[in-house]
C-alpha atoms as a PDB file:
ATOM      1  CA  MET A   1      26.892 135.263 121.026  1.00  0.00           C
ATOM      2  CA  LEU A   2      30.009 137.363 121.555  1.00  0.00           C
ATOM      3  CA  ASN A   3      28.367 140.457 120.081  1.00  0.00           C
ATOM      4  CA  ASN A   4      25.341 140.440 122.368  1.00  0.00           C
ATOM      5  CA  GLY A   5      27.159 139.914 125.671  1.00  0.00           C
ATOM      6  CA  ASN A   6      25.971 136.385 126.417  1.00  0.00           C
ATOM      7  CA  ILE A   7      29.502 135.165 127.126  1.00  0.00           C
ATOM      8  CA  SER A   8      31.224 136.507 130.255  1.00  0.00           C
ATOM      9  CA  VAL A   9      34.659 134.929 129.993  1.00  0.00           C
ATOM     10  CA  ILE A  10      36.652 133.262 127.228  1.00  0.00           C
ATOM     11  CA  LEU A  11      39.443 130.752 127.767  1.00  0.00           C
ATOM     12  CA  CYS A  12      41.254 130.047 124.520  1.00  0.00           C
ATOM     13  CA  GLU A  13      44.581 128.908 123.157  1.00  0.00           C
ATOM     14  CA  VAL A  14      46.644 131.721 121.656  1.00  0.00           C
ATOM     15  CA  ASN A  15      49.750 131.284 119.546  1.00  0.00           C
ATOM     16  CA  PHE A  16      52.815 133.490 119.327  1.00  0.00           C
ATOM     17  CA  SER A  17      54.556 131.514 116.565  1.00  0.00           C
ATOM     18  CA  ASN A  18      53.314 129.914 113.366  1.00  0.00           C
ATOM     19  CA  ILE A  19      52.991 126.356 114.619  1.00  0.00           C
ATOM     20  CA  TYR A  20      49.880 125.519 112.553  1.00  0.00           C
ATOM     21  CA  LYS A  21      49.071 126.127 108.902  1.00  0.00           C
ATOM     22  CA  ASN A  22      46.710 129.106 108.355  1.00  0.00           C
ATOM     23  CA  MET A  23      46.524 129.856 112.062  1.00  0.00           C
ATOM     24  CA  ILE A  24      45.267 133.094 113.547  1.00  0.00           C
ATOM     25  CA  SER A  25      47.935 135.176 115.262  1.00  0.00           C
ATOM     26  CA  PHE A  26      47.723 136.292 118.875  1.00  0.00           C
ATOM     27  CA  THR A  27      47.421 139.934 117.816  1.00  0.00           C
ATOM     28  CA  LYS A  28      44.397 139.220 115.594  1.00  0.00           C
ATOM     29  CA  THR A  29      42.682 137.269 118.372  1.00  0.00           C
ATOM     30  CA  TYR A  30      43.518 139.965 120.919  1.00  0.00           C
ATOM     31  CA  ASP A  31      42.370 142.847 118.695  1.00  0.00           C
ATOM     32  CA  TYR A  32      39.143 141.034 117.767  1.00  0.00           C
ATOM     33  CA  LEU A  33      38.199 140.382 121.386  1.00  0.00           C
ATOM     34  CA  LEU A  34      39.081 143.964 122.368  1.00  0.00           C
ATOM     35  CA  GLU A  35      36.715 145.237 119.670  1.00  0.00           C
ATOM     36  CA  LEU A  36      33.965 143.052 121.133  1.00  0.00           C
ATOM     37  CA  GLY A  37      34.445 144.490 124.624  1.00  0.00           C
ATOM     38  CA  TYR A  38      36.749 141.941 126.283  1.00  0.00           C
ATOM     39  CA  SER A  39      40.034 142.473 128.105  1.00  0.00           C
ATOM     40  CA  LEU A  40      42.931 140.097 128.594  1.00  0.00           C
ATOM     41  CA  CYS A  41      42.949 138.911 132.194  1.00  0.00           C
ATOM     42  CA  THR A  42      45.843 136.417 132.355  1.00  0.00           C
ATOM     43  CA  PHE A  43      47.899 133.740 130.645  1.00  0.00           C
ATOM     44  CA  TYR A  44      48.172 130.165 131.909  1.00  0.00           C
ATOM     45  CA  ARG A  45      51.398 128.149 131.573  1.00  0.00           C
ATOM     46  CA  ILE A  46      53.268 129.576 128.610  1.00  0.00           C
ATOM     47  CA  HIS A  47      54.868 126.907 126.410  1.00  0.00           C
ATOM     48  CA  TYR A  48      58.320 127.683 125.060  1.00  0.00           C
ATOM     49  CA  LYS A  49      60.424 126.335 122.213  1.00  0.00           C
ATOM     50  CA  ASN A  50      63.860 125.274 123.467  1.00  0.00           C
ATOM     51  CA  ASN A  51      63.236 127.503 126.521  1.00  0.00           C
ATOM     52  CA  ASN A  52      63.961 130.538 124.330  1.00  0.00           C
ATOM     53  CA  TYR A  53      60.712 132.016 123.064  1.00  0.00           C
ATOM     54  CA  ALA A  54      57.007 131.609 123.685  1.00  0.00           C
ATOM     55  CA  LEU A  55      55.071 129.334 121.321  1.00  0.00           C
ATOM     56  CA  TRP A  56      51.582 129.241 122.795  1.00  0.00           C
ATOM     57  CA  THR A  57      49.510 129.531 125.957  1.00  0.00           C
ATOM     58  CA  ASP A  58      45.936 129.574 127.168  1.00  0.00           C
ATOM     59  CA  ALA A  59      44.561 133.077 127.643  1.00  0.00           C
ATOM     60  CA  LEU A  60      41.641 134.226 129.760  1.00  0.00           C
ATOM     61  CA  PHE A  61      39.587 137.172 128.516  1.00  0.00           C
ATOM     62  CA  ILE A  62      36.816 138.802 130.544  1.00  0.00           C
ATOM     63  CA  ARG A  63      33.966 141.021 129.373  1.00  0.00           C
ATOM     64  CA  ASN A  64      34.759 144.642 130.246  1.00  0.00           C
ATOM     65  CA  ASP A  65      31.544 145.267 132.176  1.00  0.00           C
ATOM     66  CA  LEU A  66      32.493 142.470 134.597  1.00  0.00           C
ATOM     67  CA  LYS A  67      35.916 143.842 135.530  1.00  0.00           C
ATOM     68  CA  ALA A  68      34.501 146.028 138.300  1.00  0.00           C
ATOM     69  CA  LEU A  69      32.833 143.081 140.078  1.00  0.00           C
END
């Protein structure tokens, strides 16, 4: 579905720290979606550990051909 352009926007959890076993890093998720023609639009409510560094957030990606709308 992602390859053929059927999905316009993606809202997903992304992680900046290894909080789960065998989890996918933010950079792998980001790079994968970029390759498929999506761009990062925004983050929603970043969660921090001890108010020092980001653990995870929800990220909104939008298909590149929709950015001009």
